N, C-alpha and C. Protein backbone atom coordinates (compact mmCIF):
# COMPACT_ATOMS: atom_id res chain seq x y z
N UNK A 1 -73.77 -104.14 13.83
CA UNK A 1 -73.55 -105.33 14.67
C UNK A 1 -73.11 -104.72 16.23
N UNK A 2 -74.07 -105.01 17.14
CA UNK A 2 -73.68 -104.56 18.68
C UNK A 2 -72.95 -105.67 19.35
N UNK A 3 -71.88 -105.18 20.09
CA UNK A 3 -71.25 -106.09 20.95
C UNK A 3 -71.66 -105.71 22.45
N UNK A 4 -72.38 -106.60 23.08
CA UNK A 4 -73.11 -106.21 24.08
C UNK A 4 -72.30 -106.77 25.57
N UNK A 5 -72.25 -105.68 26.55
CA UNK A 5 -71.71 -105.99 27.74
C UNK A 5 -72.67 -105.91 28.74
N UNK A 6 -73.25 -107.08 29.19
CA UNK A 6 -74.46 -107.29 29.81
C UNK A 6 -74.38 -107.08 31.49
N UNK A 7 -75.20 -106.30 31.87
CA UNK A 7 -75.45 -106.14 33.34
C UNK A 7 -76.31 -107.36 33.88
N UNK A 8 -76.07 -107.69 35.14
CA UNK A 8 -76.85 -108.86 35.74
C UNK A 8 -78.23 -108.55 35.90
N UNK A 9 -78.58 -107.51 36.36
CA UNK A 9 -80.21 -107.00 36.46
C UNK A 9 -80.17 -105.72 35.87
N UNK A 10 -80.10 -105.47 34.57
CA UNK A 10 -80.12 -104.16 34.05
C UNK A 10 -81.33 -103.28 34.23
N UNK A 11 -80.97 -102.00 34.58
CA UNK A 11 -82.00 -100.96 34.80
C UNK A 11 -82.46 -100.28 33.44
N UNK A 12 -81.19 -100.31 32.51
CA UNK A 12 -81.22 -99.67 31.32
C UNK A 12 -80.17 -100.03 30.29
N UNK A 13 -80.29 -99.75 28.94
CA UNK A 13 -79.29 -100.09 28.08
C UNK A 13 -78.72 -98.69 27.72
N UNK A 14 -77.39 -98.69 27.32
CA UNK A 14 -76.80 -97.65 26.78
C UNK A 14 -75.96 -97.87 25.52
N UNK A 15 -76.37 -97.50 24.37
CA UNK A 15 -75.47 -97.73 23.18
C UNK A 15 -74.53 -96.69 23.17
N UNK A 16 -73.24 -97.17 23.06
CA UNK A 16 -72.13 -96.21 23.34
C UNK A 16 -71.23 -96.18 21.98
N UNK A 17 -71.06 -94.97 21.24
CA UNK A 17 -70.27 -94.88 20.11
C UNK A 17 -68.82 -94.41 20.40
N UNK A 18 -67.91 -94.94 19.73
CA UNK A 18 -66.53 -94.62 19.89
C UNK A 18 -66.05 -93.17 19.42
N UNK A 19 -64.87 -92.72 19.69
CA UNK A 19 -64.48 -91.52 19.26
C UNK A 19 -63.79 -91.60 17.86
N UNK A 20 -63.21 -90.53 17.34
CA UNK A 20 -62.80 -90.61 16.01
C UNK A 20 -61.65 -91.42 15.59
N UNK A 21 -60.74 -91.61 16.49
CA UNK A 21 -59.54 -92.36 16.32
C UNK A 21 -59.41 -93.71 16.81
N UNK A 22 -60.24 -94.12 17.78
CA UNK A 22 -60.03 -95.46 18.46
C UNK A 22 -61.43 -95.99 18.37
N UNK A 23 -61.54 -97.61 18.07
CA UNK A 23 -62.75 -98.11 17.85
C UNK A 23 -63.32 -98.54 19.33
N UNK A 24 -64.35 -99.49 19.13
CA UNK A 24 -65.06 -100.00 20.39
C UNK A 24 -64.16 -100.83 21.24
N UNK A 25 -63.07 -101.37 20.60
CA UNK A 25 -62.16 -102.25 21.47
C UNK A 25 -61.09 -101.43 22.19
N UNK A 26 -61.31 -100.19 22.20
CA UNK A 26 -60.16 -99.21 22.88
C UNK A 26 -60.22 -99.44 24.45
N UNK A 27 -59.01 -99.12 25.10
CA UNK A 27 -59.14 -99.22 26.47
C UNK A 27 -60.14 -98.51 27.19
N UNK A 28 -60.50 -97.18 26.73
CA UNK A 28 -61.53 -96.40 27.42
C UNK A 28 -62.87 -97.13 27.06
N UNK A 29 -63.19 -97.37 26.06
CA UNK A 29 -64.56 -98.02 25.72
C UNK A 29 -64.92 -99.37 26.52
N UNK A 30 -63.84 -100.20 26.34
CA UNK A 30 -64.08 -101.69 27.15
C UNK A 30 -64.20 -101.38 28.67
N UNK A 31 -63.18 -100.50 29.26
CA UNK A 31 -63.19 -100.28 30.53
C UNK A 31 -64.53 -99.49 30.98
N UNK A 32 -65.09 -98.70 30.26
CA UNK A 32 -66.20 -97.76 30.62
C UNK A 32 -67.44 -98.78 30.52
N UNK A 33 -67.46 -99.53 29.59
CA UNK A 33 -68.62 -100.65 29.37
C UNK A 33 -68.67 -101.62 30.48
N UNK A 34 -67.59 -102.03 31.00
CA UNK A 34 -67.50 -102.98 32.08
C UNK A 34 -67.97 -102.31 33.43
N UNK A 35 -67.43 -101.17 33.46
CA UNK A 35 -67.63 -100.25 34.73
C UNK A 35 -69.20 -100.23 34.85
N UNK A 36 -69.85 -99.68 33.71
CA UNK A 36 -71.19 -99.52 33.83
C UNK A 36 -71.99 -100.70 33.97
N UNK A 37 -71.58 -101.89 33.22
CA UNK A 37 -72.45 -103.08 33.49
C UNK A 37 -72.42 -103.60 35.00
N UNK A 38 -71.20 -103.23 35.60
CA UNK A 38 -71.31 -103.68 37.18
C UNK A 38 -72.17 -102.65 37.86
N UNK A 39 -72.51 -101.59 37.23
CA UNK A 39 -73.44 -100.58 38.14
C UNK A 39 -74.82 -100.75 37.48
N UNK A 40 -75.16 -101.74 36.87
CA UNK A 40 -76.50 -102.05 36.38
C UNK A 40 -76.99 -101.55 35.19
N UNK A 41 -76.10 -101.19 34.22
CA UNK A 41 -76.37 -100.61 32.95
C UNK A 41 -75.83 -101.50 31.88
N UNK A 42 -76.68 -102.23 31.05
CA UNK A 42 -76.03 -103.06 29.92
C UNK A 42 -75.63 -101.99 28.78
N UNK A 43 -74.35 -102.35 28.26
CA UNK A 43 -73.78 -101.37 27.27
C UNK A 43 -73.59 -102.23 25.98
N UNK A 44 -74.01 -101.37 25.02
CA UNK A 44 -73.79 -101.95 23.48
C UNK A 44 -72.74 -101.15 22.83
N UNK A 45 -71.76 -101.79 22.31
CA UNK A 45 -70.71 -101.17 21.60
C UNK A 45 -70.71 -101.56 20.15
N UNK A 46 -70.30 -100.60 19.39
CA UNK A 46 -70.28 -100.91 17.91
C UNK A 46 -69.16 -100.10 17.24
N UNK A 47 -68.74 -100.43 16.10
CA UNK A 47 -67.80 -99.71 15.19
C UNK A 47 -68.63 -99.12 14.11
N UNK A 48 -68.29 -97.73 13.90
CA UNK A 48 -68.82 -97.20 12.63
C UNK A 48 -68.14 -97.80 11.44
N UNK A 49 -68.82 -97.66 10.16
CA UNK A 49 -68.23 -98.33 9.00
C UNK A 49 -66.90 -98.02 8.65
N UNK A 50 -66.48 -96.77 8.92
CA UNK A 50 -65.11 -96.41 8.54
C UNK A 50 -64.00 -97.03 9.55
N UNK A 51 -64.55 -97.14 10.73
CA UNK A 51 -63.71 -98.02 11.71
C UNK A 51 -63.51 -99.56 11.29
N UNK A 52 -64.67 -99.95 10.93
CA UNK A 52 -64.61 -101.49 10.33
C UNK A 52 -63.68 -101.63 9.29
N UNK A 53 -63.61 -100.72 8.34
CA UNK A 53 -62.92 -100.60 7.26
C UNK A 53 -61.47 -100.52 7.67
N UNK A 54 -61.10 -99.60 8.56
CA UNK A 54 -59.73 -99.29 9.06
C UNK A 54 -59.13 -100.58 9.61
N UNK A 55 -60.07 -101.28 10.29
CA UNK A 55 -59.53 -102.61 10.99
C UNK A 55 -59.26 -103.61 9.92
N UNK A 56 -60.10 -103.78 8.92
CA UNK A 56 -59.84 -104.69 7.79
C UNK A 56 -58.55 -104.39 7.12
N UNK A 57 -58.31 -103.18 6.93
CA UNK A 57 -57.11 -102.80 6.04
C UNK A 57 -55.89 -102.66 6.85
N UNK A 58 -56.28 -102.53 8.41
CA UNK A 58 -54.98 -102.38 9.23
C UNK A 58 -54.35 -100.94 9.00
N UNK A 59 -54.91 -100.10 8.55
CA UNK A 59 -54.59 -98.57 8.62
C UNK A 59 -55.57 -97.75 8.99
N UNK A 60 -55.21 -96.50 9.63
CA UNK A 60 -56.25 -95.61 9.99
C UNK A 60 -56.90 -94.94 8.83
N UNK A 61 -58.14 -94.59 9.27
CA UNK A 61 -58.99 -93.84 8.22
C UNK A 61 -59.57 -92.72 8.99
N UNK A 62 -59.86 -91.67 8.22
CA UNK A 62 -60.63 -90.41 8.96
C UNK A 62 -62.11 -90.89 9.04
N UNK A 63 -62.84 -90.24 9.92
CA UNK A 63 -64.19 -90.49 10.15
C UNK A 63 -65.10 -90.16 8.89
N UNK A 64 -66.14 -90.84 8.64
CA UNK A 64 -67.12 -90.21 7.57
C UNK A 64 -67.75 -88.95 8.05
N UNK A 65 -68.46 -88.22 7.15
CA UNK A 65 -69.24 -87.08 7.51
C UNK A 65 -70.36 -87.39 8.25
N UNK A 66 -70.89 -86.48 9.09
CA UNK A 66 -71.72 -86.66 10.10
C UNK A 66 -72.98 -87.36 9.51
N UNK A 67 -73.69 -87.03 8.38
CA UNK A 67 -74.85 -87.74 7.87
C UNK A 67 -74.66 -89.11 7.88
N UNK A 68 -73.57 -89.75 7.33
CA UNK A 68 -73.25 -91.18 7.28
C UNK A 68 -73.08 -91.76 8.62
N UNK A 69 -72.41 -91.00 9.57
CA UNK A 69 -72.33 -91.68 10.99
C UNK A 69 -73.64 -91.79 11.51
N UNK A 70 -74.42 -90.66 11.36
CA UNK A 70 -75.78 -90.69 12.09
C UNK A 70 -76.59 -91.73 11.48
N UNK A 71 -76.64 -91.98 10.11
CA UNK A 71 -77.37 -92.96 9.60
C UNK A 71 -76.92 -94.18 10.01
N UNK A 72 -75.66 -94.53 10.16
CA UNK A 72 -75.25 -95.93 10.62
C UNK A 72 -75.78 -96.19 12.11
N UNK A 73 -75.51 -95.01 13.10
CA UNK A 73 -75.76 -94.97 14.35
C UNK A 73 -77.33 -95.43 14.51
N UNK A 74 -78.10 -94.94 13.60
CA UNK A 74 -79.45 -95.10 13.71
C UNK A 74 -79.95 -96.39 13.36
N UNK A 75 -79.19 -97.08 12.44
CA UNK A 75 -79.47 -98.44 11.97
C UNK A 75 -79.01 -99.46 13.16
N UNK A 76 -78.04 -99.04 13.81
CA UNK A 76 -77.65 -99.82 15.02
C UNK A 76 -78.69 -100.05 16.09
N UNK A 77 -79.59 -98.85 16.21
CA UNK A 77 -80.54 -98.71 17.22
C UNK A 77 -81.70 -99.71 16.94
N UNK A 78 -81.64 -100.42 15.76
CA UNK A 78 -82.76 -101.32 15.34
C UNK A 78 -82.38 -102.62 16.20
N UNK A 79 -81.10 -102.83 16.62
CA UNK A 79 -80.79 -104.05 17.32
C UNK A 79 -81.15 -104.04 19.06
N UNK A 80 -81.67 -102.85 19.34
CA UNK A 80 -81.53 -102.73 20.85
C UNK A 80 -82.73 -103.70 21.51
N UNK A 81 -82.53 -103.88 22.65
CA UNK A 81 -83.64 -104.57 23.50
C UNK A 81 -84.96 -103.75 23.82
N UNK A 82 -85.98 -104.15 23.17
CA UNK A 82 -87.17 -103.34 23.26
C UNK A 82 -87.90 -103.22 24.61
N UNK A 83 -87.34 -104.19 25.47
CA UNK A 83 -87.84 -104.13 26.89
C UNK A 83 -86.84 -103.30 27.91
N UNK A 84 -85.91 -102.60 27.48
CA UNK A 84 -85.12 -101.96 28.38
C UNK A 84 -85.13 -100.49 28.09
N UNK A 85 -85.14 -99.58 29.01
CA UNK A 85 -84.93 -98.11 28.61
C UNK A 85 -83.79 -97.77 27.93
N UNK A 86 -83.91 -96.96 26.65
CA UNK A 86 -82.84 -96.81 25.86
C UNK A 86 -82.18 -95.61 26.00
N UNK A 87 -80.83 -95.42 26.40
CA UNK A 87 -79.89 -94.28 26.33
C UNK A 87 -78.82 -94.53 25.17
N UNK A 88 -78.38 -93.44 24.80
CA UNK A 88 -77.25 -93.42 23.79
C UNK A 88 -76.26 -92.45 24.16
N UNK A 89 -75.12 -92.65 23.63
CA UNK A 89 -73.97 -91.82 24.11
C UNK A 89 -72.73 -92.11 23.38
N UNK A 90 -71.60 -91.64 23.88
CA UNK A 90 -70.45 -92.05 23.32
C UNK A 90 -69.23 -91.36 23.70
N UNK A 91 -67.95 -91.45 23.24
CA UNK A 91 -66.91 -90.79 23.65
C UNK A 91 -66.49 -89.75 22.60
N UNK A 92 -66.27 -88.59 22.85
CA UNK A 92 -65.84 -87.49 21.96
C UNK A 92 -66.82 -87.34 20.80
N UNK A 93 -66.30 -87.84 19.55
CA UNK A 93 -67.18 -87.68 18.41
C UNK A 93 -68.41 -88.65 18.51
N UNK A 94 -68.23 -89.71 19.07
CA UNK A 94 -69.40 -90.63 19.27
C UNK A 94 -70.40 -89.94 20.25
N UNK A 95 -70.02 -89.16 21.21
CA UNK A 95 -70.92 -88.51 22.05
C UNK A 95 -71.74 -87.41 21.26
N UNK A 96 -70.83 -86.65 20.42
CA UNK A 96 -71.46 -85.69 19.72
C UNK A 96 -72.58 -86.25 18.83
N UNK A 97 -72.31 -87.25 17.97
CA UNK A 97 -73.15 -88.01 17.14
C UNK A 97 -74.50 -88.42 17.99
N UNK A 98 -74.31 -89.04 19.18
CA UNK A 98 -75.38 -89.37 19.97
C UNK A 98 -76.39 -88.10 20.39
N UNK A 99 -75.76 -86.96 20.66
CA UNK A 99 -76.48 -85.83 20.92
C UNK A 99 -77.17 -85.25 19.69
N UNK A 100 -76.56 -85.31 18.50
CA UNK A 100 -77.19 -84.88 17.30
C UNK A 100 -78.52 -86.08 16.92
N UNK A 101 -78.31 -87.39 17.09
CA UNK A 101 -79.13 -88.28 16.98
C UNK A 101 -80.46 -87.95 17.80
N UNK A 102 -80.23 -87.69 19.10
CA UNK A 102 -81.24 -87.38 20.00
C UNK A 102 -82.13 -86.33 19.68
N UNK A 103 -81.84 -85.63 18.69
CA UNK A 103 -82.65 -84.54 18.16
C UNK A 103 -83.82 -84.94 17.25
N UNK A 104 -83.55 -86.18 16.86
CA UNK A 104 -84.77 -86.89 15.97
C UNK A 104 -85.23 -87.96 16.60
N UNK A 105 -84.30 -88.82 17.36
CA UNK A 105 -84.70 -90.19 17.84
C UNK A 105 -85.28 -89.97 19.25
N UNK A 106 -86.35 -91.02 19.67
CA UNK A 106 -86.95 -90.99 21.01
C UNK A 106 -85.99 -91.77 21.96
N UNK A 107 -85.15 -91.13 22.67
CA UNK A 107 -84.25 -91.95 23.85
C UNK A 107 -84.55 -91.32 25.20
N UNK A 108 -84.07 -91.97 26.18
CA UNK A 108 -84.38 -91.48 27.54
C UNK A 108 -83.40 -90.46 28.00
N UNK A 109 -82.32 -90.54 27.29
CA UNK A 109 -81.24 -89.62 27.47
C UNK A 109 -79.76 -89.84 26.86
N UNK A 110 -78.99 -88.97 26.97
CA UNK A 110 -77.70 -89.05 26.10
C UNK A 110 -76.51 -88.82 27.26
N UNK A 111 -75.53 -89.80 26.99
CA UNK A 111 -74.20 -89.60 27.99
C UNK A 111 -73.04 -89.29 26.95
N UNK A 112 -72.33 -88.24 27.20
CA UNK A 112 -71.16 -87.92 26.41
C UNK A 112 -69.93 -87.82 27.32
N UNK A 113 -68.89 -88.74 26.92
CA UNK A 113 -67.79 -88.58 27.74
C UNK A 113 -66.66 -87.75 26.85
N UNK A 114 -66.22 -86.56 27.50
CA UNK A 114 -65.30 -85.78 26.76
C UNK A 114 -66.00 -85.22 25.46
N UNK A 115 -67.05 -84.35 25.64
CA UNK A 115 -67.54 -83.93 24.59
C UNK A 115 -66.75 -82.86 23.88
N UNK A 116 -66.70 -82.90 22.42
CA UNK A 116 -65.74 -82.09 21.58
C UNK A 116 -66.36 -80.69 21.40
N UNK A 117 -66.29 -79.74 22.53
CA UNK A 117 -67.32 -78.56 22.33
C UNK A 117 -66.64 -77.72 21.07
N UNK A 118 -65.26 -77.87 20.88
CA UNK A 118 -64.77 -77.21 19.67
C UNK A 118 -63.34 -78.01 19.46
N UNK A 119 -62.71 -77.82 18.19
CA UNK A 119 -61.40 -78.45 18.03
C UNK A 119 -60.21 -77.72 18.89
N UNK A 120 -59.51 -78.40 19.30
CA UNK A 120 -58.37 -77.98 20.14
C UNK A 120 -57.78 -76.73 19.56
N UNK A 121 -57.73 -75.68 20.27
CA UNK A 121 -57.01 -74.29 19.92
C UNK A 121 -57.96 -73.44 19.05
N UNK A 122 -59.24 -73.88 18.84
CA UNK A 122 -60.17 -73.21 18.02
C UNK A 122 -61.54 -72.97 18.68
N UNK A 123 -61.41 -72.19 19.95
CA UNK A 123 -62.68 -72.12 20.81
C UNK A 123 -63.81 -71.52 19.92
N UNK A 124 -63.46 -70.67 18.93
CA UNK A 124 -64.58 -69.92 18.27
C UNK A 124 -65.48 -71.02 17.35
N UNK A 125 -64.94 -72.23 17.04
CA UNK A 125 -65.76 -73.11 16.35
C UNK A 125 -66.63 -73.99 17.08
N UNK A 126 -67.67 -73.60 18.04
CA UNK A 126 -68.44 -74.23 18.83
C UNK A 126 -69.36 -75.27 18.13
N UNK A 127 -69.50 -76.45 18.86
CA UNK A 127 -70.34 -77.45 18.21
C UNK A 127 -71.69 -77.78 19.33
N UNK A 128 -72.23 -76.59 19.58
CA UNK A 128 -73.40 -76.87 20.48
C UNK A 128 -74.70 -76.19 19.78
N UNK A 129 -74.72 -75.89 18.63
CA UNK A 129 -75.74 -75.18 18.00
C UNK A 129 -77.19 -76.14 17.96
N UNK A 130 -76.89 -77.49 18.12
CA UNK A 130 -78.16 -78.35 18.06
C UNK A 130 -78.85 -78.72 19.49
N UNK A 131 -78.11 -78.27 20.60
CA UNK A 131 -78.44 -78.41 21.87
C UNK A 131 -79.80 -78.05 22.09
N UNK A 132 -80.41 -77.00 21.69
CA UNK A 132 -81.73 -76.68 21.85
C UNK A 132 -82.81 -77.60 21.39
N UNK A 133 -82.32 -78.37 20.40
CA UNK A 133 -83.31 -79.37 19.73
C UNK A 133 -83.30 -80.70 20.28
N UNK A 134 -82.47 -80.83 21.47
CA UNK A 134 -82.44 -82.23 22.04
C UNK A 134 -83.82 -82.62 22.49
N UNK A 135 -84.24 -83.98 22.21
CA UNK A 135 -85.44 -84.44 22.72
C UNK A 135 -85.23 -85.15 24.04
N UNK A 136 -84.10 -85.11 24.68
CA UNK A 136 -83.86 -85.82 26.00
C UNK A 136 -82.70 -85.25 26.69
N UNK A 137 -82.63 -85.31 27.89
CA UNK A 137 -81.54 -84.66 28.69
C UNK A 137 -80.30 -85.16 28.21
N UNK A 138 -79.05 -84.36 28.26
CA UNK A 138 -77.81 -84.70 27.89
C UNK A 138 -76.71 -84.60 29.14
N UNK A 139 -76.20 -85.64 29.53
CA UNK A 139 -75.20 -85.52 30.53
C UNK A 139 -73.81 -85.61 29.93
N UNK A 140 -72.94 -84.46 30.06
CA UNK A 140 -71.50 -84.36 29.48
C UNK A 140 -70.62 -84.64 30.68
N UNK A 141 -69.88 -85.61 30.50
CA UNK A 141 -68.98 -85.94 31.48
C UNK A 141 -67.45 -85.63 31.05
N UNK A 142 -66.92 -84.45 31.61
CA UNK A 142 -65.82 -83.77 30.96
C UNK A 142 -64.60 -83.49 31.82
N UNK A 143 -63.43 -83.80 31.34
CA UNK A 143 -62.24 -83.60 31.99
C UNK A 143 -62.01 -82.18 32.36
N UNK A 144 -61.58 -81.60 33.47
CA UNK A 144 -61.31 -80.22 33.73
C UNK A 144 -60.30 -79.69 32.71
N UNK A 145 -59.40 -80.54 32.24
CA UNK A 145 -58.28 -80.01 31.48
C UNK A 145 -58.66 -80.46 29.85
N UNK A 146 -59.74 -80.77 29.58
CA UNK A 146 -60.00 -81.28 28.16
C UNK A 146 -59.79 -80.03 27.10
N UNK A 147 -58.89 -80.30 26.25
CA UNK A 147 -58.42 -79.20 25.12
C UNK A 147 -59.68 -78.95 24.27
N UNK A 148 -60.63 -79.88 24.21
CA UNK A 148 -61.89 -79.73 23.48
C UNK A 148 -62.88 -78.97 24.09
N UNK A 149 -62.61 -78.44 25.38
CA UNK A 149 -63.58 -77.64 26.16
C UNK A 149 -63.19 -77.72 27.69
N UNK A 150 -62.39 -76.88 28.07
CA UNK A 150 -61.90 -76.84 29.29
C UNK A 150 -63.12 -76.20 30.43
N UNK A 151 -62.93 -76.41 31.65
CA UNK A 151 -64.07 -76.11 32.56
C UNK A 151 -64.41 -74.53 32.39
N UNK A 152 -63.28 -73.73 32.54
CA UNK A 152 -63.52 -72.23 32.49
C UNK A 152 -64.19 -71.75 31.28
N UNK A 153 -63.84 -72.46 30.07
CA UNK A 153 -64.56 -72.18 28.80
C UNK A 153 -65.94 -72.64 28.92
N UNK A 154 -66.11 -73.77 29.00
CA UNK A 154 -67.62 -74.43 29.04
C UNK A 154 -68.58 -73.72 29.94
N UNK A 155 -68.08 -73.39 31.12
CA UNK A 155 -69.01 -72.61 32.18
C UNK A 155 -69.55 -71.35 31.73
N UNK A 156 -68.77 -70.85 30.69
CA UNK A 156 -69.27 -69.55 29.91
C UNK A 156 -70.23 -69.76 28.78
N UNK A 157 -70.40 -70.89 28.40
CA UNK A 157 -71.30 -71.16 27.19
C UNK A 157 -72.69 -70.96 27.60
N UNK A 158 -73.58 -70.57 26.55
CA UNK A 158 -75.11 -70.60 26.99
C UNK A 158 -75.66 -71.88 26.75
N UNK A 159 -75.74 -72.79 27.58
CA UNK A 159 -76.31 -74.10 27.16
C UNK A 159 -77.79 -74.30 27.80
N UNK A 160 -78.62 -74.98 27.36
CA UNK A 160 -79.99 -75.07 27.85
C UNK A 160 -80.07 -75.92 28.94
N UNK A 161 -81.14 -75.83 29.64
CA UNK A 161 -81.41 -76.45 30.85
C UNK A 161 -81.40 -78.06 31.01
N UNK A 162 -81.53 -78.58 29.74
CA UNK A 162 -81.36 -80.17 29.79
C UNK A 162 -80.06 -80.61 29.43
N UNK A 163 -79.11 -79.69 29.46
CA UNK A 163 -77.59 -80.12 29.35
C UNK A 163 -76.99 -79.92 30.72
N UNK A 164 -76.43 -81.09 31.10
CA UNK A 164 -75.79 -81.09 32.52
C UNK A 164 -74.37 -81.58 32.25
N UNK A 165 -73.48 -80.68 32.80
CA UNK A 165 -72.03 -80.95 32.75
C UNK A 165 -71.41 -81.39 34.09
N UNK A 166 -70.88 -82.58 33.99
CA UNK A 166 -70.19 -82.94 35.32
C UNK A 166 -68.80 -82.97 35.04
N UNK A 167 -67.85 -82.47 36.03
CA UNK A 167 -66.37 -82.44 35.90
C UNK A 167 -65.73 -83.53 36.45
N UNK A 168 -64.57 -84.05 35.78
CA UNK A 168 -63.72 -85.19 36.29
C UNK A 168 -62.61 -84.42 36.59
N UNK A 169 -62.03 -84.60 37.80
CA UNK A 169 -60.84 -83.75 38.31
C UNK A 169 -59.75 -84.06 37.70
N UNK A 170 -59.10 -82.94 37.05
CA UNK A 170 -57.66 -83.09 36.41
C UNK A 170 -57.65 -84.00 35.29
N UNK A 171 -58.88 -84.13 34.72
CA UNK A 171 -58.96 -85.22 33.47
C UNK A 171 -58.70 -84.40 32.17
N UNK A 172 -58.06 -85.09 31.27
CA UNK A 172 -57.97 -84.76 29.87
C UNK A 172 -58.93 -85.09 29.12
N UNK A 173 -58.93 -84.91 27.61
CA UNK A 173 -59.88 -85.46 26.97
C UNK A 173 -60.62 -86.97 26.96
N UNK A 174 -59.58 -87.67 27.42
CA UNK A 174 -59.99 -89.12 27.80
C UNK A 174 -60.24 -89.30 29.37
N UNK A 175 -60.40 -88.25 30.07
CA UNK A 175 -60.63 -88.14 31.50
C UNK A 175 -59.44 -88.63 32.42
N UNK A 176 -58.24 -88.48 31.74
CA UNK A 176 -56.99 -89.16 32.48
C UNK A 176 -56.31 -87.95 33.23
N UNK A 177 -56.07 -88.17 34.40
CA UNK A 177 -55.46 -87.01 35.24
C UNK A 177 -54.03 -87.22 35.33
N UNK A 178 -53.39 -86.09 35.62
CA UNK A 178 -51.84 -86.16 35.72
C UNK A 178 -51.42 -86.76 37.02
N UNK A 179 -50.20 -87.38 36.98
CA UNK A 179 -49.78 -88.12 38.18
C UNK A 179 -49.65 -87.29 39.35
N UNK A 180 -49.39 -86.05 39.15
CA UNK A 180 -49.24 -85.22 40.47
C UNK A 180 -50.49 -84.81 40.89
N UNK A 181 -51.80 -85.01 40.35
CA UNK A 181 -53.06 -84.83 40.99
C UNK A 181 -53.30 -85.74 42.16
N UNK A 182 -52.49 -86.85 42.20
CA UNK A 182 -52.89 -87.85 43.09
C UNK A 182 -54.00 -88.81 42.80
N UNK A 183 -54.47 -88.69 41.61
CA UNK A 183 -55.66 -89.42 41.12
C UNK A 183 -55.11 -90.49 40.11
N UNK A 184 -55.87 -91.59 39.88
CA UNK A 184 -55.21 -92.33 38.71
C UNK A 184 -56.41 -92.42 37.62
N UNK A 185 -55.96 -92.94 36.51
CA UNK A 185 -56.88 -93.08 35.36
C UNK A 185 -58.06 -94.01 35.64
N UNK A 186 -57.78 -95.30 36.29
CA UNK A 186 -58.88 -96.03 36.75
C UNK A 186 -59.92 -95.36 37.72
N UNK A 187 -59.36 -94.60 38.64
CA UNK A 187 -60.30 -93.86 39.51
C UNK A 187 -61.19 -92.84 38.81
N UNK A 188 -60.55 -92.22 37.91
CA UNK A 188 -61.42 -91.17 37.10
C UNK A 188 -62.32 -91.86 36.22
N UNK A 189 -62.01 -92.91 35.69
CA UNK A 189 -62.97 -93.62 34.77
C UNK A 189 -64.15 -94.20 35.53
N UNK A 190 -63.75 -94.72 36.78
CA UNK A 190 -64.94 -95.23 37.65
C UNK A 190 -65.80 -94.11 38.17
N UNK A 191 -65.32 -93.08 38.38
CA UNK A 191 -66.01 -91.77 38.86
C UNK A 191 -67.11 -91.42 37.77
N UNK A 192 -66.53 -91.56 36.49
CA UNK A 192 -67.33 -91.15 35.42
C UNK A 192 -68.34 -92.21 35.13
N UNK A 193 -67.98 -93.49 35.33
CA UNK A 193 -69.04 -94.53 35.19
C UNK A 193 -70.19 -94.34 36.18
N UNK A 194 -69.79 -94.10 37.45
CA UNK A 194 -70.78 -93.78 38.52
C UNK A 194 -71.76 -92.54 38.20
N UNK A 195 -71.13 -91.39 37.59
CA UNK A 195 -71.88 -90.32 37.42
C UNK A 195 -72.94 -90.61 36.16
N UNK A 196 -72.52 -91.42 35.13
CA UNK A 196 -73.26 -91.90 34.04
C UNK A 196 -74.37 -92.85 34.79
N UNK A 197 -74.23 -93.72 35.41
CA UNK A 197 -75.14 -94.56 35.80
C UNK A 197 -76.11 -93.96 36.89
N UNK A 198 -75.63 -92.99 37.61
CA UNK A 198 -76.73 -92.07 38.49
C UNK A 198 -77.64 -91.26 37.47
N UNK A 199 -76.93 -90.65 36.57
CA UNK A 199 -77.71 -89.82 35.48
C UNK A 199 -78.74 -90.73 34.93
N UNK A 200 -78.44 -91.88 34.42
CA UNK A 200 -79.45 -92.99 33.91
C UNK A 200 -80.56 -93.21 34.77
N UNK A 201 -80.12 -93.44 36.00
CA UNK A 201 -81.14 -94.04 36.91
C UNK A 201 -82.21 -92.85 37.23
N UNK A 202 -81.72 -91.64 37.18
CA UNK A 202 -82.62 -90.42 37.61
C UNK A 202 -83.64 -90.26 36.35
N UNK A 203 -83.31 -90.67 35.23
CA UNK A 203 -84.23 -90.45 34.25
C UNK A 203 -85.30 -91.47 34.14
N UNK A 204 -85.09 -92.64 34.98
CA UNK A 204 -86.11 -93.66 34.76
C UNK A 204 -87.32 -93.32 35.67
């Protein structure tokens, strides 16, 4: 079941998957969907099955394994608007699932906010082995201080030509800057939405 945030005159649609710990109604997901809709991209939000269950029970549940998440994400794509160019993406785990799905599905592009390149403190456990199999360009919008992949680490990775990384100044895993940076959370989230909408427009 997709929860749509509609643009007035959409140039494309982006199905956006949530991260491991917070669902489609989190502040990040709702703000990003609204920002993108104002920039001409209709956004579809949904909850994975484990998150639906967690909300029903009122307690946290860990994510399911990747095959289950991917199968559910794929089933969600059956609800998209056939007349609009299709992009998929997500926050953290959701972005990783979208990039994996794009190795099998035909989409115009993938947008990942805060890509989990590796678990925090475990830089040797890289999660980029599927990147060469992507069927569409991938935009990674990453905070410079993200513990799942900081700027100096990520710039040393051997990524292929269709993966484009954009840096959000002083951002953490949710692209939030420190007060001392002089930037605000809302400014960084607006910047991220603008980068995503420009990437989407460029693929059309």
